[in-house]
Amino acid sequence: MKGIELVIDQIVTMLQADFPAKAAALNAEYGDAYTVVAPANADYYTELINPLVPDFAYPAIVVAAQTDVTVDEDLAHAGGEWDHEVLVDVLIRAQDAHELSRRLMRTVRAVKELMMRQAPRAMAVAASARPWMDSSRHRAVFISLWRIECS
């Protein structure tokens, strides 16, 4: 059974390792100026942060616990599985609103595809219907909630 901290660390490690290649593949697929940029390794965070801080680096990805641990007591007593709820936030910046929208959609696609491929027992259970966008500063945040099952 894995604790939430280990699950978060594994997701961050996977994204750091695999995101650059995924970004390159999507950029080749689309072949236009709206590129997906992989965050630097230092720009993956494991706790909630304030993206409004002026010197905050973009792009960034936040992987953090939504709740401590959610346990189905019947499964826990039967030696079953524990569920962890993990937020994966994508934070990006662009030159204008159109670029912001395109880059956000593509970056979210990259994260989703990596999560589904690398963590086959991960399931997106919620996502922000409309990403938070600060059009005046061309910043956006997309939040998705994942349920991770670990045996």
N, C-alpha and C. Protein backbone atom coordinates (compact mmCIF):
# COMPACT_ATOMS: atom_id res chain seq x y z
N MET A 1 0.84 -1.17 0.00
CA MET A 1 0.00 0.00 0.00
C MET A 1 0.89 1.23 0.00
N LYS A 2 0.59 2.19 -0.85
CA LYS A 2 1.40 3.39 -0.98
C LYS A 2 0.73 4.56 -0.28
N GLY A 3 1.54 5.34 0.44
CA GLY A 3 1.04 6.56 1.04
C GLY A 3 0.91 7.66 0.00
N ILE A 4 0.16 8.68 0.33
CA ILE A 4 -0.11 9.77 -0.62
C ILE A 4 1.18 10.48 -1.05
N GLU A 5 2.14 10.62 -0.11
CA GLU A 5 3.39 11.31 -0.48
C GLU A 5 4.14 10.54 -1.56
N LEU A 6 4.20 9.23 -1.43
CA LEU A 6 4.88 8.40 -2.43
C LEU A 6 4.17 8.48 -3.77
N VAL A 7 2.86 8.46 -3.76
CA VAL A 7 2.08 8.56 -5.00
C VAL A 7 2.38 9.89 -5.69
N ILE A 8 2.37 10.98 -4.94
CA ILE A 8 2.65 12.30 -5.51
C ILE A 8 4.07 12.34 -6.08
N ASP A 9 5.04 11.84 -5.33
CA ASP A 9 6.43 11.83 -5.80
C ASP A 9 6.57 11.02 -7.08
N GLN A 10 5.87 9.89 -7.18
CA GLN A 10 5.94 9.07 -8.39
C GLN A 10 5.33 9.78 -9.59
N ILE A 11 4.24 10.49 -9.38
CA ILE A 11 3.62 11.24 -10.48
C ILE A 11 4.56 12.34 -10.95
N VAL A 12 5.14 13.08 -10.02
CA VAL A 12 6.07 14.16 -10.39
C VAL A 12 7.27 13.59 -11.15
N THR A 13 7.84 12.51 -10.65
CA THR A 13 9.00 11.90 -11.31
C THR A 13 8.64 11.45 -12.73
N MET A 14 7.48 10.85 -12.90
CA MET A 14 7.03 10.42 -14.22
C MET A 14 6.84 11.62 -15.14
N LEU A 15 6.19 12.68 -14.66
CA LEU A 15 5.98 13.85 -15.51
C LEU A 15 7.30 14.52 -15.88
N GLN A 16 8.21 14.64 -14.93
CA GLN A 16 9.50 15.24 -15.23
C GLN A 16 10.24 14.44 -16.31
N ALA A 17 10.17 13.14 -16.24
CA ALA A 17 10.88 12.28 -17.19
C ALA A 17 10.20 12.24 -18.56
N ASP A 18 8.88 12.21 -18.59
CA ASP A 18 8.16 11.94 -19.83
C ASP A 18 7.55 13.15 -20.52
N PHE A 19 7.38 14.25 -19.78
CA PHE A 19 6.70 15.42 -20.35
C PHE A 19 7.47 16.02 -21.54
N PRO A 20 8.81 16.17 -21.48
CA PRO A 20 9.50 16.76 -22.64
C PRO A 20 9.26 16.00 -23.95
N ALA A 21 9.30 14.69 -23.92
CA ALA A 21 9.07 13.91 -25.13
C ALA A 21 7.62 14.04 -25.59
N LYS A 22 6.69 14.07 -24.64
CA LYS A 22 5.28 14.21 -25.00
C LYS A 22 5.04 15.58 -25.62
N ALA A 23 5.65 16.62 -25.06
CA ALA A 23 5.52 17.97 -25.62
C ALA A 23 6.06 18.01 -27.05
N ALA A 24 7.22 17.39 -27.26
CA ALA A 24 7.81 17.36 -28.60
C ALA A 24 6.90 16.64 -29.59
N ALA A 25 6.30 15.53 -29.16
CA ALA A 25 5.40 14.77 -30.03
C ALA A 25 4.16 15.59 -30.40
N LEU A 26 3.59 16.28 -29.42
CA LEU A 26 2.40 17.11 -29.71
C LEU A 26 2.77 18.29 -30.61
N ASN A 27 3.92 18.89 -30.36
CA ASN A 27 4.34 20.00 -31.20
C ASN A 27 4.53 19.55 -32.64
N ALA A 28 5.07 18.36 -32.84
CA ALA A 28 5.24 17.81 -34.19
C ALA A 28 3.87 17.50 -34.81
N GLU A 29 2.96 16.98 -34.00
CA GLU A 29 1.62 16.64 -34.50
C GLU A 29 0.89 17.89 -34.99
N TYR A 30 0.91 18.96 -34.21
CA TYR A 30 0.19 20.17 -34.57
C TYR A 30 0.95 21.01 -35.60
N GLY A 31 2.26 21.08 -35.47
CA GLY A 31 3.09 21.78 -36.44
C GLY A 31 2.80 23.26 -36.60
N ASP A 32 2.42 23.92 -35.53
CA ASP A 32 2.17 25.36 -35.62
C ASP A 32 2.93 26.09 -34.51
N ALA A 33 2.62 27.35 -34.34
CA ALA A 33 3.38 28.18 -33.40
C ALA A 33 2.92 28.01 -31.94
N TYR A 34 1.83 27.30 -31.70
CA TYR A 34 1.29 27.18 -30.35
C TYR A 34 1.91 25.96 -29.67
N THR A 35 3.13 26.09 -29.24
CA THR A 35 3.86 24.95 -28.73
C THR A 35 3.57 24.66 -27.27
N VAL A 36 3.68 23.39 -26.95
CA VAL A 36 3.63 22.92 -25.57
C VAL A 36 5.06 22.99 -25.05
N VAL A 37 5.22 23.62 -23.90
CA VAL A 37 6.54 23.77 -23.31
C VAL A 37 6.57 22.97 -22.01
N ALA A 38 7.55 22.09 -21.90
CA ALA A 38 7.70 21.30 -20.68
C ALA A 38 8.25 22.19 -19.56
N PRO A 39 7.67 22.11 -18.38
CA PRO A 39 8.24 22.86 -17.26
C PRO A 39 9.65 22.39 -16.93
N ALA A 40 10.46 23.29 -16.43
CA ALA A 40 11.78 22.90 -15.91
C ALA A 40 11.54 22.01 -14.69
N ASN A 41 12.48 21.13 -14.38
CA ASN A 41 12.31 20.23 -13.23
C ASN A 41 12.02 20.99 -11.95
N ALA A 42 12.55 22.19 -11.80
CA ALA A 42 12.32 22.98 -10.59
C ALA A 42 10.91 23.55 -10.53
N ASP A 43 10.18 23.48 -11.64
CA ASP A 43 8.84 24.07 -11.69
C ASP A 43 7.72 23.03 -11.60
N TYR A 44 8.02 21.91 -10.94
CA TYR A 44 7.02 20.94 -10.52
C TYR A 44 6.91 21.10 -9.01
N TYR A 45 5.70 21.29 -8.53
CA TYR A 45 5.49 21.55 -7.11
C TYR A 45 4.63 20.46 -6.50
N THR A 46 4.87 20.16 -5.23
CA THR A 46 4.10 19.12 -4.55
C THR A 46 3.25 19.70 -3.42
N GLU A 47 3.01 20.98 -3.48
CA GLU A 47 2.08 21.62 -2.56
C GLU A 47 1.42 22.76 -3.31
N LEU A 48 0.27 23.16 -2.86
CA LEU A 48 -0.46 24.22 -3.54
C LEU A 48 0.34 25.51 -3.44
N ILE A 49 0.35 26.27 -4.52
CA ILE A 49 1.12 27.50 -4.58
C ILE A 49 0.24 28.64 -5.06
N ASN A 50 0.73 29.85 -4.93
CA ASN A 50 0.00 31.03 -5.39
C ASN A 50 0.57 31.47 -6.73
N PRO A 51 -0.16 31.23 -7.83
CA PRO A 51 0.37 31.60 -9.14
C PRO A 51 0.36 33.10 -9.39
N LEU A 52 -0.19 33.88 -8.46
CA LEU A 52 -0.23 35.33 -8.65
C LEU A 52 1.05 36.02 -8.19
N VAL A 53 1.95 35.27 -7.57
CA VAL A 53 3.22 35.85 -7.15
C VAL A 53 3.94 36.35 -8.40
N PRO A 54 4.43 37.60 -8.41
CA PRO A 54 5.00 38.19 -9.62
C PRO A 54 6.15 37.40 -10.24
N ASP A 55 7.01 36.79 -9.44
CA ASP A 55 8.17 36.10 -10.00
C ASP A 55 7.94 34.60 -10.17
N PHE A 56 6.70 34.19 -10.18
CA PHE A 56 6.36 32.78 -10.37
C PHE A 56 6.74 32.35 -11.77
N ALA A 57 7.36 31.19 -11.90
CA ALA A 57 7.81 30.69 -13.20
C ALA A 57 6.69 29.95 -13.92
N TYR A 58 6.56 30.18 -15.20
CA TYR A 58 5.63 29.48 -16.07
C TYR A 58 6.43 28.80 -17.17
N PRO A 59 6.01 27.66 -17.68
CA PRO A 59 4.91 26.84 -17.19
C PRO A 59 5.30 26.11 -15.91
N ALA A 60 4.27 25.63 -15.22
CA ALA A 60 4.50 24.86 -14.00
C ALA A 60 3.40 23.81 -13.88
N ILE A 61 3.71 22.78 -13.11
CA ILE A 61 2.72 21.75 -12.80
C ILE A 61 2.76 21.53 -11.30
N VAL A 62 1.57 21.49 -10.71
CA VAL A 62 1.43 21.24 -9.28
C VAL A 62 0.76 19.88 -9.12
N VAL A 63 1.36 19.02 -8.32
CA VAL A 63 0.76 17.73 -7.98
C VAL A 63 0.65 17.71 -6.47
N ALA A 64 -0.58 17.72 -5.96
CA ALA A 64 -0.78 17.84 -4.52
C ALA A 64 -1.97 17.00 -4.07
N ALA A 65 -1.99 16.68 -2.79
CA ALA A 65 -3.09 15.90 -2.23
C ALA A 65 -4.34 16.76 -2.15
N GLN A 66 -5.46 16.21 -2.60
CA GLN A 66 -6.74 16.90 -2.45
C GLN A 66 -7.24 16.71 -1.03
N THR A 67 -7.17 15.49 -0.57
CA THR A 67 -7.53 15.18 0.81
C THR A 67 -6.43 14.27 1.32
N ASP A 68 -6.40 14.04 2.59
CA ASP A 68 -5.33 13.22 3.16
C ASP A 68 -5.39 11.83 2.53
N VAL A 69 -6.32 11.04 2.93
CA VAL A 69 -6.51 9.71 2.34
C VAL A 69 -7.99 9.37 2.47
N THR A 70 -8.58 8.85 1.42
CA THR A 70 -9.96 8.39 1.46
C THR A 70 -9.93 6.87 1.50
N VAL A 71 -10.52 6.30 2.51
CA VAL A 71 -10.45 4.85 2.67
C VAL A 71 -11.86 4.27 2.64
N ASP A 72 -12.04 3.26 1.83
CA ASP A 72 -13.26 2.47 1.87
C ASP A 72 -13.02 1.43 2.96
N GLU A 73 -13.68 1.56 4.09
CA GLU A 73 -13.41 0.70 5.24
C GLU A 73 -13.62 -0.78 4.92
N ASP A 74 -14.62 -1.10 4.11
CA ASP A 74 -14.84 -2.51 3.76
C ASP A 74 -13.66 -3.09 3.01
N LEU A 75 -13.11 -2.30 2.06
CA LEU A 75 -11.96 -2.78 1.30
C LEU A 75 -10.71 -2.82 2.16
N ALA A 76 -10.54 -1.82 3.02
CA ALA A 76 -9.34 -1.77 3.86
C ALA A 76 -9.27 -2.99 4.77
N HIS A 77 -10.39 -3.39 5.34
CA HIS A 77 -10.39 -4.54 6.24
C HIS A 77 -10.27 -5.86 5.47
N ALA A 78 -10.59 -5.82 4.18
CA ALA A 78 -10.51 -7.04 3.37
C ALA A 78 -9.17 -7.13 2.64
N GLY A 79 -8.23 -6.24 2.99
CA GLY A 79 -6.94 -6.23 2.30
C GLY A 79 -7.04 -5.64 0.92
N GLY A 80 -8.04 -4.80 0.70
CA GLY A 80 -8.27 -4.21 -0.61
C GLY A 80 -7.41 -2.99 -0.87
N GLU A 81 -7.93 -2.07 -1.64
CA GLU A 81 -7.16 -0.95 -2.14
C GLU A 81 -7.55 0.34 -1.45
N TRP A 82 -6.58 1.25 -1.40
CA TRP A 82 -6.82 2.59 -0.87
C TRP A 82 -6.89 3.54 -2.04
N ASP A 83 -7.71 4.55 -1.92
CA ASP A 83 -7.81 5.58 -2.95
C ASP A 83 -7.16 6.85 -2.46
N HIS A 84 -6.39 7.47 -3.31
CA HIS A 84 -5.82 8.78 -3.03
C HIS A 84 -6.40 9.75 -4.04
N GLU A 85 -6.77 10.92 -3.59
CA GLU A 85 -7.23 11.96 -4.49
C GLU A 85 -6.11 12.98 -4.65
N VAL A 86 -5.71 13.16 -5.90
CA VAL A 86 -4.56 14.00 -6.22
C VAL A 86 -4.98 15.08 -7.20
N LEU A 87 -4.62 16.32 -6.91
CA LEU A 87 -4.84 17.42 -7.84
C LEU A 87 -3.63 17.53 -8.76
N VAL A 88 -3.87 17.70 -10.04
CA VAL A 88 -2.80 17.99 -10.98
C VAL A 88 -3.20 19.30 -11.66
N ASP A 89 -2.46 20.36 -11.34
CA ASP A 89 -2.75 21.69 -11.89
C ASP A 89 -1.73 22.03 -12.95
N VAL A 90 -2.19 22.60 -14.04
CA VAL A 90 -1.34 23.05 -15.14
C VAL A 90 -1.41 24.57 -15.15
N LEU A 91 -0.26 25.23 -15.05
CA LEU A 91 -0.20 26.69 -15.06
C LEU A 91 0.66 27.14 -16.24
N ILE A 92 0.09 27.98 -17.09
CA ILE A 92 0.83 28.44 -18.25
C ILE A 92 0.65 29.93 -18.44
N ARG A 93 1.48 30.49 -19.31
CA ARG A 93 1.43 31.90 -19.67
C ARG A 93 1.64 31.98 -21.18
N ALA A 94 1.05 33.00 -21.82
CA ALA A 94 1.20 33.16 -23.26
C ALA A 94 1.17 34.64 -23.62
N GLN A 95 1.39 34.92 -24.90
CA GLN A 95 1.43 36.30 -25.37
C GLN A 95 0.05 36.93 -25.54
N ASP A 96 -0.95 36.11 -25.85
CA ASP A 96 -2.30 36.63 -26.05
C ASP A 96 -3.31 35.55 -25.68
N ALA A 97 -4.58 35.94 -25.66
CA ALA A 97 -5.64 35.03 -25.21
C ALA A 97 -5.78 33.80 -26.12
N HIS A 98 -5.64 33.97 -27.42
CA HIS A 98 -5.77 32.84 -28.35
C HIS A 98 -4.64 31.84 -28.12
N GLU A 99 -3.41 32.33 -28.03
CA GLU A 99 -2.28 31.44 -27.76
C GLU A 99 -2.45 30.76 -26.41
N LEU A 100 -2.92 31.51 -25.43
CA LEU A 100 -3.14 30.95 -24.09
C LEU A 100 -4.11 29.78 -24.14
N SER A 101 -5.21 29.96 -24.83
CA SER A 101 -6.21 28.90 -24.94
C SER A 101 -5.65 27.66 -25.63
N ARG A 102 -4.96 27.84 -26.74
CA ARG A 102 -4.40 26.71 -27.48
C ARG A 102 -3.34 25.97 -26.67
N ARG A 103 -2.42 26.72 -26.07
CA ARG A 103 -1.35 26.08 -25.31
C ARG A 103 -1.90 25.38 -24.08
N LEU A 104 -2.92 25.96 -23.44
CA LEU A 104 -3.51 25.33 -22.27
C LEU A 104 -4.16 24.00 -22.65
N MET A 105 -4.96 24.00 -23.72
CA MET A 105 -5.62 22.76 -24.14
C MET A 105 -4.60 21.67 -24.46
N ARG A 106 -3.53 22.03 -25.13
CA ARG A 106 -2.53 21.04 -25.52
C ARG A 106 -1.71 20.55 -24.32
N THR A 107 -1.42 21.45 -23.40
CA THR A 107 -0.67 21.04 -22.20
C THR A 107 -1.51 20.12 -21.34
N VAL A 108 -2.79 20.43 -21.20
CA VAL A 108 -3.70 19.57 -20.45
C VAL A 108 -3.80 18.20 -21.14
N ARG A 109 -3.87 18.19 -22.45
CA ARG A 109 -3.90 16.91 -23.18
C ARG A 109 -2.65 16.09 -22.87
N ALA A 110 -1.49 16.74 -22.87
CA ALA A 110 -0.24 16.02 -22.59
C ALA A 110 -0.28 15.39 -21.21
N VAL A 111 -0.70 16.16 -20.21
CA VAL A 111 -0.76 15.64 -18.84
C VAL A 111 -1.74 14.49 -18.76
N LYS A 112 -2.92 14.66 -19.35
CA LYS A 112 -3.94 13.60 -19.30
C LYS A 112 -3.43 12.32 -19.94
N GLU A 113 -2.83 12.42 -21.11
CA GLU A 113 -2.35 11.22 -21.80
C GLU A 113 -1.22 10.55 -21.02
N LEU A 114 -0.34 11.33 -20.43
CA LEU A 114 0.73 10.74 -19.61
C LEU A 114 0.17 10.06 -18.37
N MET A 115 -0.78 10.70 -17.71
CA MET A 115 -1.37 10.11 -16.51
C MET A 115 -2.07 8.80 -16.85
N MET A 116 -2.79 8.76 -17.95
CA MET A 116 -3.54 7.56 -18.32
C MET A 116 -2.59 6.44 -18.76
N ARG A 117 -1.48 6.78 -19.39
CA ARG A 117 -0.54 5.77 -19.86
C ARG A 117 0.34 5.24 -18.74
N GLN A 118 0.85 6.13 -17.92
CA GLN A 118 1.82 5.75 -16.89
C GLN A 118 1.16 5.25 -15.62
N ALA A 119 -0.03 5.70 -15.37
CA ALA A 119 -0.72 5.29 -14.15
C ALA A 119 -2.06 4.69 -14.56
N PRO A 120 -2.05 3.45 -15.08
CA PRO A 120 -3.28 2.89 -15.63
C PRO A 120 -4.40 2.75 -14.61
N ARG A 121 -4.04 2.84 -13.34
CA ARG A 121 -5.08 2.78 -12.32
C ARG A 121 -5.45 4.18 -11.85
N ALA A 122 -5.12 5.17 -12.66
CA ALA A 122 -5.51 6.55 -12.37
C ALA A 122 -6.76 6.87 -13.16
N MET A 123 -7.66 7.60 -12.56
CA MET A 123 -8.89 7.96 -13.22
C MET A 123 -9.18 9.42 -12.92
N ALA A 124 -9.38 10.21 -13.95
CA ALA A 124 -9.76 11.60 -13.74
C ALA A 124 -11.21 11.61 -13.27
N VAL A 125 -11.44 12.14 -12.09
CA VAL A 125 -12.80 12.15 -11.56
C VAL A 125 -13.44 13.52 -11.64
N ALA A 126 -12.65 14.54 -11.87
CA ALA A 126 -13.20 15.89 -12.00
C ALA A 126 -12.17 16.78 -12.67
N ALA A 127 -12.66 17.80 -13.33
CA ALA A 127 -11.77 18.79 -13.92
C ALA A 127 -12.52 20.11 -13.93
N SER A 128 -11.77 21.18 -13.91
CA SER A 128 -12.43 22.48 -13.95
C SER A 128 -13.09 22.62 -15.32
N ALA A 129 -14.37 22.93 -15.32
CA ALA A 129 -15.10 23.05 -16.57
C ALA A 129 -14.55 24.22 -17.39
N ARG A 130 -14.22 25.28 -16.71
CA ARG A 130 -13.59 26.42 -17.37
C ARG A 130 -12.32 26.73 -16.62
N PRO A 131 -11.20 26.71 -17.30
CA PRO A 131 -9.96 27.03 -16.61
C PRO A 131 -9.97 28.48 -16.13
N TRP A 132 -9.23 28.72 -15.06
CA TRP A 132 -9.07 30.09 -14.59
C TRP A 132 -8.14 30.80 -15.55
N MET A 133 -8.59 31.93 -16.08
CA MET A 133 -7.77 32.67 -17.02
C MET A 133 -7.71 34.13 -16.60
N ASP A 134 -6.53 34.67 -16.58
CA ASP A 134 -6.28 36.08 -16.31
C ASP A 134 -5.86 36.67 -17.66
N SER A 135 -6.85 37.11 -18.43
CA SER A 135 -6.57 37.56 -19.80
C SER A 135 -5.67 38.78 -19.85
N SER A 136 -5.76 39.64 -18.85
CA SER A 136 -4.94 40.84 -18.88
C SER A 136 -3.45 40.51 -18.77
N ARG A 137 -3.13 39.42 -18.09
CA ARG A 137 -1.73 39.01 -17.95
C ARG A 137 -1.43 37.72 -18.71
N HIS A 138 -2.42 37.23 -19.41
CA HIS A 138 -2.27 36.03 -20.24
C HIS A 138 -1.73 34.84 -19.46
N ARG A 139 -2.41 34.56 -18.33
CA ARG A 139 -2.06 33.40 -17.50
C ARG A 139 -3.30 32.54 -17.37
N ALA A 140 -3.08 31.23 -17.20
CA ALA A 140 -4.21 30.31 -17.04
C ALA A 140 -3.82 29.16 -16.14
N VAL A 141 -4.83 28.62 -15.45
CA VAL A 141 -4.64 27.45 -14.61
C VAL A 141 -5.77 26.47 -14.92
N PHE A 142 -5.42 25.22 -15.13
CA PHE A 142 -6.41 24.16 -15.32
C PHE A 142 -6.19 23.14 -14.21
N ILE A 143 -7.24 22.82 -13.49
CA ILE A 143 -7.15 21.91 -12.34
C ILE A 143 -7.89 20.62 -12.67
N SER A 144 -7.23 19.49 -12.45
CA SER A 144 -7.91 18.21 -12.60
C SER A 144 -7.72 17.41 -11.32
N LEU A 145 -8.72 16.65 -10.97
CA LEU A 145 -8.70 15.80 -9.78
C LEU A 145 -8.64 14.36 -10.26
N TRP A 146 -7.65 13.61 -9.74
CA TRP A 146 -7.45 12.22 -10.12
C TRP A 146 -7.61 11.34 -8.91
N ARG A 147 -8.21 10.20 -9.09
CA ARG A 147 -8.28 9.19 -8.05
C ARG A 147 -7.26 8.11 -8.42
N ILE A 148 -6.34 7.87 -7.52
CA ILE A 148 -5.28 6.91 -7.76
C ILE A 148 -5.53 5.70 -6.86
N GLU A 149 -5.63 4.53 -7.45
CA GLU A 149 -5.84 3.31 -6.69
C GLU A 149 -4.52 2.59 -6.55
N CYS A 150 -4.17 2.25 -5.33
CA CYS A 150 -2.90 1.55 -5.05
C CYS A 150 -3.21 0.31 -4.24
N SER A 151 -2.57 -0.78 -4.62
CA SER A 151 -2.78 -2.01 -3.84
C SER A 151 -1.61 -2.23 -2.93
